[in-house]
PDB file of N, CA and C in Angstrom:
ATOM      1  N   MET A   1     159.571  94.570  63.251  1.00  0.00           N
ATOM      2  CA  MET A   1     158.778  95.693  62.824  1.00  0.00           C
ATOM      3  C   MET A   1     157.300  95.464  63.161  1.00  0.00           C
ATOM      4  N   ARG A   2     156.800  94.253  62.913  1.00  0.00           N
ATOM      5  CA  ARG A   2     155.399  93.963  63.210  1.00  0.00           C
ATOM      6  C   ARG A   2     155.122  94.099  64.708  1.00  0.00           C
ATOM      7  N   LYS A   3     156.091  93.713  65.515  1.00  0.00           N
ATOM      8  CA  LYS A   3     155.911  93.800  66.958  1.00  0.00           C
ATOM      9  C   LYS A   3     155.760  95.262  67.365  1.00  0.00           C
ATOM     10  N   LEU A   4     156.537  96.158  66.751  1.00  0.00           N
ATOM     11  CA  LEU A   4     156.425  97.580  67.053  1.00  0.00           C
ATOM     12  C   LEU A   4     155.063  98.122  66.640  1.00  0.00           C
ATOM     13  N   HIS A   5     154.546  97.653  65.511  1.00  0.00           N
ATOM     14  CA  HIS A   5     153.233  98.098  65.050  1.00  0.00           C
ATOM     15  C   HIS A   5     152.140  97.652  66.020  1.00  0.00           C
ATOM     16  N   ARG A   6     152.267  96.399  66.503  1.00  0.00           N
ATOM     17  CA  ARG A   6     151.289  95.888  67.460  1.00  0.00           C
ATOM     18  C   ARG A   6     151.346  96.683  68.755  1.00  0.00           C
ATOM     19  N   ILE A   7     152.534  96.943  69.234  1.00  0.00           N
ATOM     20  CA  ILE A   7     152.695  97.718  70.472  1.00  0.00           C
ATOM     21  C   ILE A   7     152.118  99.112  70.290  1.00  0.00           C
ATOM     22  N   ALA A   8     152.397  99.731  69.166  1.00  0.00           N
ATOM     23  CA  ALA A   8     151.867 101.068  68.887  1.00  0.00           C
ATOM     24  C   ALA A   8     150.343 101.036  68.814  1.00  0.00           C
ATOM     25  N   ALA A   9     149.785  99.992  68.200  1.00  0.00           N
ATOM     26  CA  ALA A   9     148.328  99.876  68.091  1.00  0.00           C
ATOM     27  C   ALA A   9     147.695  99.685  69.455  1.00  0.00           C
ATOM     28  N   VAL A  10     148.290  98.845  70.281  1.00  0.00           N
ATOM     29  CA  VAL A  10     147.770  98.616  71.639  1.00  0.00           C
ATOM     30  C   VAL A  10     147.846  99.908  72.450  1.00  0.00           C
ATOM     31  N   CYS A  11     148.945 100.624  72.334  1.00  0.00           N
ATOM     32  CA  CYS A  11     149.090 101.900  73.049  1.00  0.00           C
ATOM     33  C   CYS A  11     148.051 102.917  72.576  1.00  0.00           C
ATOM     34  N   ALA A  12     147.822 102.961  71.273  1.00  0.00           N
ATOM     35  CA  ALA A  12     146.837 103.902  70.729  1.00  0.00           C
ATOM     36  C   ALA A  12     145.431 103.556  71.211  1.00  0.00           C
ATOM     37  N   ILE A  13     145.094 102.289  71.236  1.00  0.00           N
ATOM     38  CA  ILE A  13     143.773 101.863  71.722  1.00  0.00           C
ATOM     39  C   ILE A  13     143.643 102.199  73.204  1.00  0.00           C
ATOM     40  N   GLY A  14     144.670 101.918  73.971  1.00  0.00           N
ATOM     41  CA  GLY A  14     144.644 102.236  75.410  1.00  0.00           C
ATOM     42  C   GLY A  14     144.490 103.726  75.651  1.00  0.00           C
ATOM     43  N   ALA A  15     145.209 104.530  74.884  1.00  0.00           N
ATOM     44  CA  ALA A  15     145.117 105.984  75.033  1.00  0.00           C
ATOM     45  C   ALA A  15     143.723 106.476  74.676  1.00  0.00           C
ATOM     46  N   ALA A  16     143.136 105.908  73.632  1.00  0.00           N
ATOM     47  CA  ALA A  16     141.780 106.300  73.225  1.00  0.00           C
ATOM     48  C   ALA A  16     140.768 105.936  74.298  1.00  0.00           C
ATOM     49  N   MET A  17     140.951 104.770  74.916  1.00  0.00           N
ATOM     50  CA  MET A  17     140.030 104.358  75.977  1.00  0.00           C
ATOM     51  C   MET A  17     140.137 105.276  77.186  1.00  0.00           C
ATOM     52  N   VAL A  18     141.353 105.620  77.571  1.00  0.00           N
ATOM     53  CA  VAL A  18     141.555 106.523  78.707  1.00  0.00           C
ATOM     54  C   VAL A  18     140.977 107.896  78.384  1.00  0.00           C
ATOM     55  N   ALA A  19     141.235 108.400  77.195  1.00  0.00           N
ATOM     56  CA  ALA A  19     140.721 109.713  76.800  1.00  0.00           C
ATOM     57  C   ALA A  19     139.199 109.713  76.791  1.00  0.00           C
ATOM     58  N   GLY A  20     138.598 108.658  76.282  1.00  0.00           N
ATOM     59  CA  GLY A  20     137.139 108.556  76.271  1.00  0.00           C
ATOM     60  C   GLY A  20     136.570 108.528  77.666  1.00  0.00           C
ATOM     61  N   ASN A  21     137.227 107.831  78.578  1.00  0.00           N
ATOM     62  CA  ASN A  21     136.780 107.756  79.969  1.00  0.00           C
ATOM     63  C   ASN A  21     136.881 109.121  80.635  1.00  0.00           C
ATOM     64  N   VAL A  22     137.965 109.824  80.407  1.00  0.00           N
ATOM     65  CA  VAL A  22     138.153 111.159  80.977  1.00  0.00           C
ATOM     66  C   VAL A  22     137.103 112.111  80.425  1.00  0.00           C
ATOM     67  N   MET A  23     136.836 112.028  79.129  1.00  0.00           N
ATOM     68  CA  MET A  23     135.827 112.902  78.525  1.00  0.00           C
ATOM     69  C   MET A  23     134.448 112.613  79.105  1.00  0.00           C
ATOM     70  N   ALA A  24     134.109 111.341  79.321  1.00  0.00           N
ATOM     71  CA  ALA A  24     132.815 110.977  79.887  1.00  0.00           C
ATOM     72  C   ALA A  24     132.694 111.497  81.317  1.00  0.00           C
ATOM     73  N   GLN A  25     133.777 111.389  82.100  1.00  0.00           N
ATOM     74  CA  GLN A  25     133.760 111.895  83.469  1.00  0.00           C
ATOM     75  C   GLN A  25     133.620 113.412  83.488  1.00  0.00           C
ATOM     76  N   THR A  26     134.284 114.097  82.574  1.00  0.00           N
ATOM     77  CA  THR A  26     134.201 115.550  82.494  1.00  0.00           C
ATOM     78  C   THR A  26     132.787 115.980  82.131  1.00  0.00           C
ATOM     79  N   ALA A  27     132.171 115.291  81.181  1.00  0.00           N
ATOM     80  CA  ALA A  27     130.803 115.624  80.778  1.00  0.00           C
ATOM     81  C   ALA A  27     129.845 115.405  81.933  1.00  0.00           C
ATOM     82  N   ALA A  28     130.020 114.306  82.676  1.00  0.00           N
ATOM     83  CA  ALA A  28     129.150 114.036  83.818  1.00  0.00           C
ATOM     84  C   ALA A  28     129.342 115.081  84.907  1.00  0.00           C
ATOM     85  N   ALA A  29     130.582 115.521  85.096  1.00  0.00           N
ATOM     86  CA  ALA A  29     130.862 116.519  86.127  1.00  0.00           C
ATOM     87  C   ALA A  29     130.259 117.868  85.773  1.00  0.00           C
ATOM     88  N   LYS A  30     130.102 118.159  84.484  1.00  0.00           N
ATOM     89  CA  LYS A  30     129.579 119.451  84.046  1.00  0.00           C
ATOM     90  C   LYS A  30     128.072 119.427  83.819  1.00  0.00           C
ATOM     91  N   GLU A  31     127.434 118.301  84.065  1.00  0.00           N
ATOM     92  CA  GLU A  31     125.995 118.202  83.840  1.00  0.00           C
ATOM     93  C   GLU A  31     125.257 119.193  84.732  1.00  0.00           C
ATOM     94  N   GLU A  32     124.324 119.906  84.139  1.00  0.00           N
ATOM     95  CA  GLU A  32     123.585 120.920  84.865  1.00  0.00           C
ATOM     96  C   GLU A  32     122.658 120.300  85.906  1.00  0.00           C
ATOM     97  N   THR A  33     122.589 120.951  87.042  1.00  0.00           N
ATOM     98  CA  THR A  33     121.659 120.538  88.084  1.00  0.00           C
ATOM     99  C   THR A  33     120.370 121.330  87.934  1.00  0.00           C
ATOM    100  N   GLY A  34     119.359 120.934  88.670  1.00  0.00           N
ATOM    101  CA  GLY A  34     118.108 121.679  88.667  1.00  0.00           C
ATOM    102  C   GLY A  34     118.305 123.106  89.124  1.00  0.00           C
ATOM    103  N   LYS A  35     119.179 123.288  90.100  1.00  0.00           N
ATOM    104  CA  LYS A  35     119.480 124.641  90.583  1.00  0.00           C
ATOM    105  C   LYS A  35     120.152 125.462  89.486  1.00  0.00           C
ATOM    106  N   ASP A  36     121.111 124.849  88.788  1.00  0.00           N
ATOM    107  CA  ASP A  36     121.781 125.554  87.685  1.00  0.00           C
ATOM    108  C   ASP A  36     120.762 126.042  86.662  1.00  0.00           C
ATOM    109  N   ILE A  37     119.841 125.172  86.308  1.00  0.00           N
ATOM    110  CA  ILE A  37     118.833 125.513  85.305  1.00  0.00           C
ATOM    111  C   ILE A  37     117.892 126.592  85.827  1.00  0.00           C
ATOM    112  N   ALA A  38     117.458 126.450  87.072  1.00  0.00           N
ATOM    113  CA  ALA A  38     116.538 127.426  87.673  1.00  0.00           C
ATOM    114  C   ALA A  38     117.170 128.805  87.766  1.00  0.00           C
ATOM    115  N   PHE A  39     118.472 128.861  87.994  1.00  0.00           N
ATOM    116  CA  PHE A  39     119.171 130.137  88.139  1.00  0.00           C
ATOM    117  C   PHE A  39     119.643 130.703  86.791  1.00  0.00           C
ATOM    118  N   ASN A  40     119.643 129.883  85.749  1.00  0.00           N
ATOM    119  CA  ASN A  40     120.155 130.286  84.446  1.00  0.00           C
ATOM    120  C   ASN A  40     119.183 131.255  83.774  1.00  0.00           C
ATOM    121  N   ARG A  41     119.643 132.440  83.454  1.00  0.00           N
ATOM    122  CA  ARG A  41     118.767 133.468  82.884  1.00  0.00           C
ATOM    123  C   ARG A  41     118.269 133.136  81.482  1.00  0.00           C
ATOM    124  N   SER A  42     118.936 132.231  80.789  1.00  0.00           N
ATOM    125  CA  SER A  42     118.478 131.876  79.446  1.00  0.00           C
ATOM    126  C   SER A  42     117.683 130.570  79.445  1.00  0.00           C
ATOM    127  N   LYS A  43     117.452 130.010  80.608  1.00  0.00           N
ATOM    128  CA  LYS A  43     116.670 128.761  80.686  1.00  0.00           C
ATOM    129  C   LYS A  43     115.517 128.966  81.655  1.00  0.00           C
ATOM    130  N   GLY A  44     115.625 128.409  82.854  1.00  0.00           N
ATOM    131  CA  GLY A  44     114.531 128.492  83.813  1.00  0.00           C
ATOM    132  C   GLY A  44     114.266 129.895  84.311  1.00  0.00           C
ATOM    133  N   ASN A  45     115.331 130.568  84.732  1.00  0.00           N
ATOM    134  CA  ASN A  45     115.245 131.942  85.212  1.00  0.00           C
ATOM    135  C   ASN A  45     114.163 132.123  86.268  1.00  0.00           C
ATOM    136  N   CYS A  46     114.032 131.158  87.159  1.00  0.00           N
ATOM    137  CA  CYS A  46     113.019 131.223  88.208  1.00  0.00           C
ATOM    138  C   CYS A  46     113.192 132.459  89.090  1.00  0.00           C
ATOM    139  N   LEU A  47     114.442 132.904  89.259  1.00  0.00           N
ATOM    140  CA  LEU A  47     114.723 134.041  90.132  1.00  0.00           C
ATOM    141  C   LEU A  47     114.160 135.351  89.599  1.00  0.00           C
ATOM    142  N   ALA A  48     113.825 135.403  88.326  1.00  0.00           N
ATOM    143  CA  ALA A  48     113.264 136.634  87.764  1.00  0.00           C
ATOM    144  C   ALA A  48     111.930 136.967  88.428  1.00  0.00           C
ATOM    145  N   CYS A  49     111.184 135.945  88.804  1.00  0.00           N
ATOM    146  CA  CYS A  49     109.847 136.170  89.373  1.00  0.00           C
ATOM    147  C   CYS A  49     109.706 135.693  90.817  1.00  0.00           C
ATOM    148  N   HIS A  50     110.420 134.643  91.170  1.00  0.00           N
ATOM    149  CA  HIS A  50     110.227 134.006  92.468  1.00  0.00           C
ATOM    150  C   HIS A  50     111.371 134.276  93.434  1.00  0.00           C
ATOM    151  N   GLY A  51     111.025 134.489  94.680  1.00  0.00           N
ATOM    152  CA  GLY A  51     112.010 134.531  95.747  1.00  0.00           C
ATOM    153  C   GLY A  51     112.302 133.116  96.216  1.00  0.00           C
ATOM    154  N   MET A  52     113.507 132.916  96.696  1.00  0.00           N
ATOM    155  CA  MET A  52     113.905 131.621  97.254  1.00  0.00           C
ATOM    156  C   MET A  52     114.584 131.885  98.599  1.00  0.00           C
ATOM    157  N   PRO A  53     113.801 132.198  99.626  1.00  0.00           N
ATOM    158  CA  PRO A  53     114.386 132.595 100.903  1.00  0.00           C
ATOM    159  C   PRO A  53     115.266 131.535 101.563  1.00  0.00           C
ATOM    160  N   THR A  54     115.089 130.261 101.224  1.00  0.00           N
ATOM    161  CA  THR A  54     115.881 129.215 101.862  1.00  0.00           C
ATOM    162  C   THR A  54     117.169 128.893 101.106  1.00  0.00           C
ATOM    163  N   VAL A  55     117.402 129.582  99.995  1.00  0.00           N
ATOM    164  CA  VAL A  55     118.614 129.341  99.204  1.00  0.00           C
ATOM    165  C   VAL A  55     119.533 130.545  99.375  1.00  0.00           C
ATOM    166  N   PRO A  56     120.632 130.387 100.133  1.00  0.00           N
ATOM    167  CA  PRO A  56     121.491 131.530 100.461  1.00  0.00           C
ATOM    168  C   PRO A  56     122.084 132.270  99.264  1.00  0.00           C
ATOM    169  N   ASP A  57     122.376 131.577  98.174  1.00  0.00           N
ATOM    170  CA  ASP A  57     123.004 132.252  97.036  1.00  0.00           C
ATOM    171  C   ASP A  57     121.995 132.695  95.975  1.00  0.00           C
ATOM    172  N   ALA A  58     120.712 132.710  96.318  1.00  0.00           N
ATOM    173  CA  ALA A  58     119.676 133.209  95.409  1.00  0.00           C
ATOM    174  C   ALA A  58     119.576 134.718  95.592  1.00  0.00           C
ATOM    175  N   GLU A  59     120.324 135.440  94.759  1.00  0.00           N
ATOM    176  CA  GLU A  59     120.371 136.895  94.868  1.00  0.00           C
ATOM    177  C   GLU A  59     119.507 137.541  93.801  1.00  0.00           C
ATOM    178  N   SER A  60     119.072 138.756  94.064  1.00  0.00           N
ATOM    179  CA  SER A  60     118.255 139.539  93.129  1.00  0.00           C
ATOM    180  C   SER A  60     117.020 138.763  92.692  1.00  0.00           C
ATOM    181  N   THR A  61     116.328 138.215  93.662  1.00  0.00           N
ATOM    182  CA  THR A  61     115.139 137.436  93.339  1.00  0.00           C
ATOM    183  C   THR A  61     113.946 138.341  93.080  1.00  0.00           C
ATOM    184  N   GLY A  62     112.994 137.806  92.359  1.00  0.00           N
ATOM    185  CA  GLY A  62     111.802 138.560  92.015  1.00  0.00           C
ATOM    186  C   GLY A  62     110.755 138.522  93.107  1.00  0.00           C
ATOM    187  N   LEU A  63     109.811 139.421  92.995  1.00  0.00           N
ATOM    188  CA  LEU A  63     108.715 139.506  93.949  1.00  0.00           C
ATOM    189  C   LEU A  63     107.370 139.284  93.276  1.00  0.00           C
ATOM    190  N   TYR A  64     107.384 139.012  91.981  1.00  0.00           N
ATOM    191  CA  TYR A  64     106.157 138.899  91.205  1.00  0.00           C
ATOM    192  C   TYR A  64     105.440 137.574  91.474  1.00  0.00           C
ATOM    193  N   GLY A  65     106.185 136.482  91.411  1.00  0.00           N
ATOM    194  CA  GLY A  65     105.608 135.165  91.660  1.00  0.00           C
ATOM    195  C   GLY A  65     105.696 134.809  93.129  1.00  0.00           C
ATOM    196  N   PRO A  66     104.967 133.794  93.554  1.00  0.00           N
ATOM    197  CA  PRO A  66     105.034 133.397  94.957  1.00  0.00           C
ATOM    198  C   PRO A  66     106.426 132.884  95.315  1.00  0.00           C
ATOM    199  N   PRO A  67     106.863 133.089  96.560  1.00  0.00           N
ATOM    200  CA  PRO A  67     108.176 132.581  96.960  1.00  0.00           C
ATOM    201  C   PRO A  67     108.193 131.055  96.910  1.00  0.00           C
ATOM    202  N   LEU A  68     109.315 130.524  96.519  1.00  0.00           N
ATOM    203  CA  LEU A  68     109.451 129.074  96.411  1.00  0.00           C
ATOM    204  C   LEU A  68     109.957 128.522  97.741  1.00  0.00           C
ATOM    205  N   ILE A  69     109.009 128.338  98.646  1.00  0.00           N
ATOM    206  CA  ILE A  69     109.299 127.761  99.969  1.00  0.00           C
ATOM    207  C   ILE A  69     108.233 126.711 100.280  1.00  0.00           C
ATOM    208  N   ALA A  70     108.593 125.750 101.088  1.00  0.00           N
ATOM    209  CA  ALA A  70     107.674 124.689 101.516  1.00  0.00           C
ATOM    210  C   ALA A  70     106.951 124.059 100.323  1.00  0.00           C
ATOM    211  N   MET A  71     107.684 123.822  99.272  1.00  0.00           N
ATOM    212  CA  MET A  71     107.070 123.358  98.025  1.00  0.00           C
ATOM    213  C   MET A  71     106.481 121.952  98.146  1.00  0.00           C
ATOM    214  N   SER A  72     107.108 121.075  98.912  1.00  0.00           N
ATOM    215  CA  SER A  72     106.536 119.728  99.054  1.00  0.00           C
ATOM    216  C   SER A  72     105.240 119.764  99.852  1.00  0.00           C
ATOM    217  N   ALA A  73     105.072 120.774 100.726  1.00  0.00           N
ATOM    218  CA  ALA A  73     103.811 120.936 101.451  1.00  0.00           C
ATOM    219  C   ALA A  73     102.752 121.555 100.536  1.00  0.00           C
ATOM    220  N   ARG A  74     103.179 122.490  99.697  1.00  0.00           N
ATOM    221  CA  ARG A  74     102.243 123.146  98.777  1.00  0.00           C
ATOM    222  C   ARG A  74     101.832 122.229  97.627  1.00  0.00           C
ATOM    223  N   PHE A  75     102.745 121.348  97.233  1.00  0.00           N
ATOM    224  CA  PHE A  75     102.478 120.396  96.151  1.00  0.00           C
ATOM    225  C   PHE A  75     102.801 118.984  96.644  1.00  0.00           C
ATOM    226  N   PRO A  76     101.934 118.413  97.484  1.00  0.00           N
ATOM    227  CA  PRO A  76     102.220 117.056  97.981  1.00  0.00           C
ATOM    228  C   PRO A  76     102.405 116.044  96.851  1.00  0.00           C
ATOM    229  N   ASP A  77     101.725 116.276  95.732  1.00  0.00           N
ATOM    230  CA  ASP A  77     101.886 115.432  94.556  1.00  0.00           C
ATOM    231  C   ASP A  77     102.924 116.097  93.647  1.00  0.00           C
ATOM    232  N   LYS A  78     104.112 115.547  93.646  1.00  0.00           N
ATOM    233  CA  LYS A  78     105.223 116.126  92.879  1.00  0.00           C
ATOM    234  C   LYS A  78     104.888 116.235  91.391  1.00  0.00           C
ATOM    235  N   ALA A  79     104.054 115.343  90.896  1.00  0.00           N
ATOM    236  CA  ALA A  79     103.664 115.387  89.478  1.00  0.00           C
ATOM    237  C   ALA A  79     102.887 116.665  89.162  1.00  0.00           C
ATOM    238  N   LYS A  80     102.121 117.163  90.129  1.00  0.00           N
ATOM    239  CA  LYS A  80     101.380 118.408  89.907  1.00  0.00           C
ATOM    240  C   LYS A  80     102.328 119.602  89.834  1.00  0.00           C
ATOM    241  N   LEU A  81     103.378 119.574  90.627  1.00  0.00           N
ATOM    242  CA  LEU A  81     104.395 120.635  90.539  1.00  0.00           C
ATOM    243  C   LEU A  81     105.072 120.593  89.175  1.00  0.00           C
ATOM    244  N   ARG A  82     105.410 119.394  88.718  1.00  0.00           N
ATOM    245  CA  ARG A  82     106.038 119.257  87.404  1.00  0.00           C
ATOM    246  C   ARG A  82     105.099 119.768  86.308  1.00  0.00           C
ATOM    247  N   ALA A  83     103.819 119.427  86.420  1.00  0.00           N
ATOM    248  CA  ALA A  83     102.838 119.893  85.436  1.00  0.00           C
ATOM    249  C   ALA A  83     102.729 121.416  85.457  1.00  0.00           C
ATOM    250  N   GLN A  84     102.849 122.007  86.631  1.00  0.00           N
ATOM    251  CA  GLN A  84     102.803 123.469  86.770  1.00  0.00           C
ATOM    252  C   GLN A  84     103.987 124.108  86.042  1.00  0.00           C
ATOM    253  N   ILE A  85     105.158 123.514  86.189  1.00  0.00           N
ATOM    254  CA  ILE A  85     106.354 124.034  85.517  1.00  0.00           C
ATOM    255  C   ILE A  85     106.234 123.792  84.008  1.00  0.00           C
ATOM    256  N   TRP A  86     105.729 122.639  83.622  1.00  0.00           N
ATOM    257  CA  TRP A  86     105.612 122.299  82.199  1.00  0.00           C
ATOM    258  C   TRP A  86     104.646 123.251  81.501  1.00  0.00           C
ATOM    259  N   ASP A  87     103.460 123.493  82.130  1.00  0.00           N
ATOM    260  CA  ASP A  87     102.482 124.411  81.523  1.00  0.00           C
ATOM    261  C   ASP A  87     101.496 124.891  82.579  1.00  0.00           C
ATOM    262  N   ALA A  88     101.806 126.007  83.206  1.00  0.00           N
ATOM    263  CA  ALA A  88     100.932 126.572  84.241  1.00  0.00           C
ATOM    264  C   ALA A  88      99.603 127.041  83.672  1.00  0.00           C
ATOM    265  N   THR A  89      99.530 127.287  82.367  1.00  0.00           N
ATOM    266  CA  THR A  89      98.272 127.758  81.769  1.00  0.00           C
ATOM    267  C   THR A  89      97.203 126.660  81.743  1.00  0.00           C
ATOM    268  N   ALA A  90      97.601 125.416  81.935  1.00  0.00           N
ATOM    269  CA  ALA A  90      96.627 124.318  81.929  1.00  0.00           C
ATOM    270  C   ALA A  90      95.667 124.437  83.118  1.00  0.00           C
ATOM    271  N   THR A  91      96.170 124.913  84.248  1.00  0.00           N
ATOM    272  CA  THR A  91      95.311 125.067  85.427  1.00  0.00           C
ATOM    273  C   THR A  91      94.881 126.512  85.658  1.00  0.00           C
ATOM    274  N   ASN A  92      95.616 127.456  85.068  1.00  0.00           N
ATOM    275  CA  ASN A  92      95.276 128.874  85.213  1.00  0.00           C
ATOM    276  C   ASN A  92      95.588 129.582  83.896  1.00  0.00           C
ATOM    277  N   PRO A  93      94.607 129.676  83.013  1.00  0.00           N
ATOM    278  CA  PRO A  93      94.848 130.282  81.695  1.00  0.00           C
ATOM    279  C   PRO A  93      95.341 131.726  81.743  1.00  0.00           C
ATOM    280  N   SER A  94      95.098 132.437  82.823  1.00  0.00           N
ATOM    281  CA  SER A  94      95.528 133.837  82.895  1.00  0.00           C
ATOM    282  C   SER A  94      96.857 134.018  83.641  1.00  0.00           C
ATOM    283  N   THR A  95      97.548 132.920  83.922  1.00  0.00           N
ATOM    284  CA  THR A  95      98.828 133.021  84.622  1.00  0.00           C
ATOM    285  C   THR A  95      99.867 133.735  83.759  1.00  0.00           C
ATOM    286  N   SER A  96     100.820 134.344  84.419  1.00  0.00           N
ATOM    287  CA  SER A  96     101.913 134.975  83.678  1.00  0.00           C
ATOM    288  C   SER A  96     103.150 134.068  83.639  1.00  0.00           C
ATOM    289  N   MET A  97     103.053 132.898  84.254  1.00  0.00           N
ATOM    290  CA  MET A  97     104.181 131.959  84.243  1.00  0.00           C
ATOM    291  C   MET A  97     104.303 131.324  82.861  1.00  0.00           C
ATOM    292  N   PRO A  98     105.487 131.399  82.276  1.00  0.00           N
ATOM    293  CA  PRO A  98     105.675 130.802  80.944  1.00  0.00           C
ATOM    294  C   PRO A  98     105.501 129.284  80.976  1.00  0.00           C
ATOM    295  N   PRO A  99     104.940 128.701  79.945  1.00  0.00           N
ATOM    296  CA  PRO A  99     104.829 127.241  79.846  1.00  0.00           C
ATOM    297  C   PRO A  99     106.161 126.654  79.356  1.00  0.00           C
ATOM    298  N   PHE A 100     107.066 126.388  80.286  1.00  0.00           N
ATOM    299  CA  PHE A 100     108.438 125.996  79.954  1.00  0.00           C
ATOM    300  C   PHE A 100     108.526 124.731  79.108  1.00  0.00           C
ATOM    301  N   GLY A 101     107.647 123.766  79.352  1.00  0.00           N
ATOM    302  CA  GLY A 101     107.679 122.538  78.564  1.00  0.00           C
ATOM    303  C   GLY A 101     106.902 122.669  77.277  1.00  0.00           C
ATOM    304  N   LYS A 102     105.700 123.184  77.371  1.00  0.00           N
ATOM    305  CA  LYS A 102     104.821 123.327  76.207  1.00  0.00           C
ATOM    306  C   LYS A 102     105.482 124.136  75.095  1.00  0.00           C
ATOM    307  N   HIS A 103     106.226 125.170  75.462  1.00  0.00           N
ATOM    308  CA  HIS A 103     106.887 126.009  74.463  1.00  0.00           C
ATOM    309  C   HIS A 103     108.324 125.587  74.173  1.00  0.00           C
ATOM    310  N   GLY A 104     108.768 124.491  74.775  1.00  0.00           N
ATOM    311  CA  GLY A 104     110.102 123.973  74.492  1.00  0.00           C
ATOM    312  C   GLY A 104     111.247 124.799  75.051  1.00  0.00           C
ATOM    313  N   VAL A 105     110.964 125.612  76.057  1.00  0.00           N
ATOM    314  CA  VAL A 105     112.028 126.395  76.695  1.00  0.00           C
ATOM    315  C   VAL A 105     112.993 125.459  77.405  1.00  0.00           C
ATOM    316  N   LEU A 106     112.435 124.448  78.066  1.00  0.00           N
ATOM    317  CA  LEU A 106     113.235 123.444  78.762  1.00  0.00           C
ATOM    318  C   LEU A 106     112.900 122.065  78.209  1.00  0.00           C
ATOM    319  N   SER A 107     113.895 121.191  78.203  1.00  0.00           N
ATOM    320  CA  SER A 107     113.670 119.808  77.781  1.00  0.00           C
ATOM    321  C   SER A 107     112.959 119.058  78.911  1.00  0.00           C
ATOM    322  N   GLU A 108     112.477 117.883  78.611  1.00  0.00           N
ATOM    323  CA  GLU A 108     111.814 117.057  79.632  1.00  0.00           C
ATOM    324  C   GLU A 108     112.768 116.763  80.790  1.00  0.00           C
ATOM    325  N   GLN A 109     114.032 116.471  80.469  1.00  0.00           N
ATOM    326  CA  GLN A 109     115.023 116.181  81.512  1.00  0.00           C
ATOM    327  C   GLN A 109     115.295 117.422  82.366  1.00  0.00           C
ATOM    328  N   GLU A 110     115.354 118.584  81.730  1.00  0.00           N
ATOM    329  CA  GLU A 110     115.577 119.823  82.471  1.00  0.00           C
ATOM    330  C   GLU A 110     114.395 120.129  83.386  1.00  0.00           C
ATOM    331  N   ILE A 111     113.196 119.887  82.915  1.00  0.00           N
ATOM    332  CA  ILE A 111     112.019 120.099  83.754  1.00  0.00           C
ATOM    333  C   ILE A 111     112.048 119.147  84.940  1.00  0.00           C
ATOM    334  N   ASP A 112     112.450 117.905  84.726  1.00  0.00           N
ATOM    335  CA  ASP A 112     112.582 116.951  85.836  1.00  0.00           C
ATOM    336  C   ASP A 112     113.573 117.461  86.877  1.00  0.00           C
ATOM    337  N   LYS A 113     114.701 117.978  86.417  1.00  0.00           N
ATOM    338  CA  LYS A 113     115.725 118.473  87.342  1.00  0.00           C
ATOM    339  C   LYS A 113     115.241 119.703  88.114  1.00  0.00           C
ATOM    340  N   VAL A 114     114.591 120.627  87.412  1.00  0.00           N
ATOM    341  CA  VAL A 114     114.068 121.824  88.081  1.00  0.00           C
ATOM    342  C   VAL A 114     112.989 121.414  89.078  1.00  0.00           C
ATOM    343  N   THR A 115     112.137 120.483  88.697  1.00  0.00           N
ATOM    344  CA  THR A 115     111.095 120.007  89.604  1.00  0.00           C
ATOM    345  C   THR A 115     111.713 119.426  90.873  1.00  0.00           C
ATOM    346  N   ASP A 116     112.722 118.597  90.725  1.00  0.00           N
ATOM    347  CA  ASP A 116     113.401 118.012  91.893  1.00  0.00           C
ATOM    348  C   ASP A 116     113.983 119.104  92.791  1.00  0.00           C
ATOM    349  N   PHE A 117     114.622 120.092  92.164  1.00  0.00           N
ATOM    350  CA  PHE A 117     115.226 121.189  92.937  1.00  0.00           C
ATOM    351  C   PHE A 117     114.150 121.994  93.670  1.00  0.00           C
ATOM    352  N   VAL A 118     113.131 122.423  92.954  1.00  0.00           N
ATOM    353  CA  VAL A 118     112.086 123.260  93.544  1.00  0.00           C
ATOM    354  C   VAL A 118     111.313 122.482  94.604  1.00  0.00           C
ATOM    355  N   TYR A 119     111.056 121.214  94.362  1.00  0.00           N
ATOM    356  CA  TYR A 119     110.318 120.391  95.316  1.00  0.00           C
ATOM    357  C   TYR A 119     111.050 120.300  96.657  1.00  0.00           C
ATOM    358  N   GLY A 120     112.361 120.373  96.609  1.00  0.00           N
ATOM    359  CA  GLY A 120     113.166 120.294  97.827  1.00  0.00           C
ATOM    360  C   GLY A 120     113.244 121.596  98.604  1.00  0.00           C
ATOM    361  N   LEU A 121     112.683 122.670  98.067  1.00  0.00           N
ATOM    362  CA  LEU A 121     112.750 123.969  98.760  1.00  0.00           C
ATOM    363  C   LEU A 121     111.663 124.073  99.812  1.00  0.00           C
TER     364      LEU A 121
END
């Protein structure tokens, strides 16, 4: 009887480890990218104002903000681009761009991801 209990316990531990590994892989696979965040209407929503002519699936883009092209040339210092996304009012108090970081619209990690995505455009 004890041997059966040990076998059952080992099987249960093994199953829990496999399930935990699968759950971790699933969570990693579903992690949002900078593009996901930028396109998400309840988060970055960059497409509401900015055009992205180099991104084929960027549909219904806005014309209000400048197009997001040649961003690494426009912002050679990537930190300045990140600061612009975090709080554009710091350099232009009359801007209409929301301060995504200052107002907590996006987390620090989300801003990093959006910055990486936009910088690559």
